[in-house]
Structure formats: C-alpha cells, structure tokens
Amino acid sequence: MRVHEFTVHSNIDRFELIQISNLASRFISQIVLSYVDKDEHEHIIDVKSLLGMIFQPIMPGTRLRLSAKGKDELEALEAMLEQFNKYNNK
C-alpha cells in the first residue's frame, strides 16, 4: 500500500473532482481518500466513485490522506497526486 498526506490549499470544484475520479478509474488499484472534518468526523471516499467524490465537501485547510493498494499502486498514487496538485495550486 502506498500512502501520501497533503493539505488542500484552494477549493477543488465538482468538475475537478470528476476529473480526478475519471483518472482513478483507469487504474486497477483501490484508491481511497480520507480526511477528518472540522467536527472531527472521519470521511473515507472511494476515489473511483463519482458520487462519493462530488458530494464530499473538501474545504481549504483540510489534511487529506490518499492511499492506493494493488498491482499499479505506485503509478496510481503518482497520477492522483499530480492531478490533485494541478487543482490544489491554482
């Protein structure tokens, strides 16, 4: 399993979350995003799930944990991080 943690610096809109989810669906590995919100509730999201991604409010300042597990986990994690960084640094 590969894991990377990072902080969201800007709003990631629904279109961008859909793009991330579509990219994730190209990989065999399980890709999961998790975070704890301001009310201390833990959220665990299957990144390949469009609905799961677009209905989760990920606010600036949120610390995310992205993990990938499977045959292509390294490639999946690298691609997901690249995509998140693209939208996170706008």
C-alpha atoms as a PDB file:
ATOM      1  CA  MET A   1       0.000   0.000   0.000  1.00  0.00           C
ATOM      2  CA  ARG A   2       1.212   3.479  -0.903  1.00  0.00           C
ATOM      3  CA  VAL A   3       0.089   6.469   1.168  1.00  0.00           C
ATOM      4  CA  HIS A   4       0.610  10.200   0.862  1.00  0.00           C
ATOM      5  CA  GLU A   5      -0.772  13.033   3.001  1.00  0.00           C
ATOM      6  CA  PHE A   6      -1.217  16.619   1.869  1.00  0.00           C
ATOM      7  CA  THR A   7      -3.201  19.739   2.695  1.00  0.00           C
ATOM      8  CA  VAL A   8      -5.797  21.318   0.406  1.00  0.00           C
ATOM      9  CA  HIS A   9      -4.960  24.989  -0.211  1.00  0.00           C
ATOM     10  CA  SER A  10      -7.801  26.000  -2.531  1.00  0.00           C
ATOM     11  CA  ASN A  11     -11.330  24.931  -3.387  1.00  0.00           C
ATOM     12  CA  ILE A  12     -11.457  21.890  -5.638  1.00  0.00           C
ATOM     13  CA  ASP A  13     -14.713  22.185  -7.559  1.00  0.00           C
ATOM     14  CA  ARG A  14     -17.031  19.396  -8.709  1.00  0.00           C
ATOM     15  CA  PHE A  15     -15.704  19.354 -12.261  1.00  0.00           C
ATOM     16  CA  GLU A  16     -12.170  18.886 -10.948  1.00  0.00           C
ATOM     17  CA  LEU A  17     -13.285  16.108  -8.583  1.00  0.00           C
ATOM     18  CA  ILE A  18     -14.976  14.369 -11.525  1.00  0.00           C
ATOM     19  CA  GLN A  19     -11.721  14.597 -13.496  1.00  0.00           C
ATOM     20  CA  ILE A  20      -9.817  13.066 -10.569  1.00  0.00           C
ATOM     21  CA  SER A  21     -12.375  10.255 -10.265  1.00  0.00           C
ATOM     22  CA  ASN A  22     -12.258   9.540 -14.002  1.00  0.00           C
ATOM     23  CA  LEU A  23      -8.481   9.309 -13.876  1.00  0.00           C
ATOM     24  CA  ALA A  24      -8.647   6.951 -10.877  1.00  0.00           C
ATOM     25  CA  SER A  25     -10.948   4.589 -12.771  1.00  0.00           C
ATOM     26  CA  ARG A  26      -8.114   3.881 -15.240  1.00  0.00           C
ATOM     27  CA  PHE A  27      -6.162   2.023 -12.554  1.00  0.00           C
ATOM     28  CA  ILE A  28      -6.639  -1.480 -11.172  1.00  0.00           C
ATOM     29  CA  SER A  29      -5.629  -0.488  -7.644  1.00  0.00           C
ATOM     30  CA  GLN A  30      -8.063   0.532  -4.952  1.00  0.00           C
ATOM     31  CA  ILE A  31      -7.680   4.289  -4.404  1.00  0.00           C
ATOM     32  CA  VAL A  32      -9.039   5.832  -1.215  1.00  0.00           C
ATOM     33  CA  LEU A  33      -9.147   9.393   0.057  1.00  0.00           C
ATOM     34  CA  SER A  34      -9.707  10.014   3.762  1.00  0.00           C
ATOM     35  CA  TYR A  35      -9.855  13.061   5.994  1.00  0.00           C
ATOM     36  CA  VAL A  36     -11.258  14.330   9.282  1.00  0.00           C
ATOM     37  CA  ASP A  37     -13.562  17.352   9.033  1.00  0.00           C
ATOM     38  CA  LYS A  38     -13.785  20.303  11.435  1.00  0.00           C
ATOM     39  CA  ASP A  39     -16.359  18.414  13.536  1.00  0.00           C
ATOM     40  CA  GLU A  40     -13.924  15.504  13.943  1.00  0.00           C
ATOM     41  CA  HIS A  41     -15.937  13.192  11.628  1.00  0.00           C
ATOM     42  CA  GLU A  42     -13.822  10.871   9.526  1.00  0.00           C
ATOM     43  CA  HIS A  43     -14.665  10.623   5.828  1.00  0.00           C
ATOM     44  CA  ILE A  44     -13.446   7.736   3.665  1.00  0.00           C
ATOM     45  CA  ILE A  45     -14.056   8.057  -0.069  1.00  0.00           C
ATOM     46  CA  ASP A  46     -13.506   5.609  -2.911  1.00  0.00           C
ATOM     47  CA  VAL A  47     -11.871   7.961  -5.420  1.00  0.00           C
ATOM     48  CA  LYS A  48     -13.297   5.927  -8.312  1.00  0.00           C
ATOM     49  CA  SER A  49     -16.837   6.743  -7.108  1.00  0.00           C
ATOM     50  CA  LEU A  50     -18.123   9.847  -8.905  1.00  0.00           C
ATOM     51  CA  LEU A  51     -20.910  10.380  -6.383  1.00  0.00           C
ATOM     52  CA  GLY A  52     -18.582   9.790  -3.476  1.00  0.00           C
ATOM     53  CA  MET A  53     -16.219  12.434  -4.773  1.00  0.00           C
ATOM     54  CA  ILE A  54     -18.672  15.183  -5.731  1.00  0.00           C
ATOM     55  CA  PHE A  55     -20.746  15.015  -2.559  1.00  0.00           C
ATOM     56  CA  GLN A  56     -17.836  15.408  -0.134  1.00  0.00           C
ATOM     57  CA  PRO A  57     -17.075  18.986   0.854  1.00  0.00           C
ATOM     58  CA  ILE A  58     -13.290  19.234   0.947  1.00  0.00           C
ATOM     59  CA  MET A  59     -12.511  22.683   2.277  1.00  0.00           C
ATOM     60  CA  PRO A  60      -9.202  24.573   2.042  1.00  0.00           C
ATOM     61  CA  GLY A  61      -7.003  23.703   5.003  1.00  0.00           C
ATOM     62  CA  THR A  62      -8.204  20.084   5.093  1.00  0.00           C
ATOM     63  CA  ARG A  63      -5.477  17.469   5.548  1.00  0.00           C
ATOM     64  CA  LEU A  64      -6.081  14.603   3.089  1.00  0.00           C
ATOM     65  CA  ARG A  65      -4.685  11.096   3.125  1.00  0.00           C
ATOM     66  CA  LEU A  66      -4.537   9.444  -0.288  1.00  0.00           C
ATOM     67  CA  SER A  67      -3.802   5.727  -0.456  1.00  0.00           C
ATOM     68  CA  ALA A  68      -3.513   3.212  -3.269  1.00  0.00           C
ATOM     69  CA  LYS A  69      -3.353  -0.556  -2.947  1.00  0.00           C
ATOM     70  CA  GLY A  70      -2.928  -3.022  -5.793  1.00  0.00           C
ATOM     71  CA  LYS A  71      -0.846  -4.004  -8.803  1.00  0.00           C
ATOM     72  CA  ASP A  72      -0.363  -0.477 -10.121  1.00  0.00           C
ATOM     73  CA  GLU A  73      -0.453   1.367  -6.783  1.00  0.00           C
ATOM     74  CA  LEU A  74       2.693   3.426  -7.346  1.00  0.00           C
ATOM     75  CA  GLU A  75       1.551   4.665 -10.769  1.00  0.00           C
ATOM     76  CA  ALA A  76      -1.955   5.312  -9.427  1.00  0.00           C
ATOM     77  CA  LEU A  77      -0.740   7.308  -6.443  1.00  0.00           C
ATOM     78  CA  GLU A  78       1.646   9.361  -8.560  1.00  0.00           C
ATOM     79  CA  ALA A  79      -1.079  10.162 -11.115  1.00  0.00           C
ATOM     80  CA  MET A  80      -3.587  11.084  -8.399  1.00  0.00           C
ATOM     81  CA  LEU A  81      -1.100  13.357  -6.645  1.00  0.00           C
ATOM     82  CA  GLU A  82      -0.224  15.067  -9.902  1.00  0.00           C
ATOM     83  CA  GLN A  83      -3.910  15.691 -10.609  1.00  0.00           C
ATOM     84  CA  PHE A  84      -4.659  16.934  -7.083  1.00  0.00           C
ATOM     85  CA  ASN A  85      -1.614  19.234  -7.198  1.00  0.00           C
ATOM     86  CA  LYS A  86      -2.792  20.664 -10.510  1.00  0.00           C
ATOM     87  CA  TYR A  87      -6.107  21.735  -8.950  1.00  0.00           C
ATOM     88  CA  ASN A  88      -4.760  22.448  -5.468  1.00  0.00           C
ATOM     89  CA  ASN A  89      -2.255  25.047  -6.610  1.00  0.00           C
ATOM     90  CA  LYS A  90      -4.426  27.219  -8.819  1.00  0.00           C
END
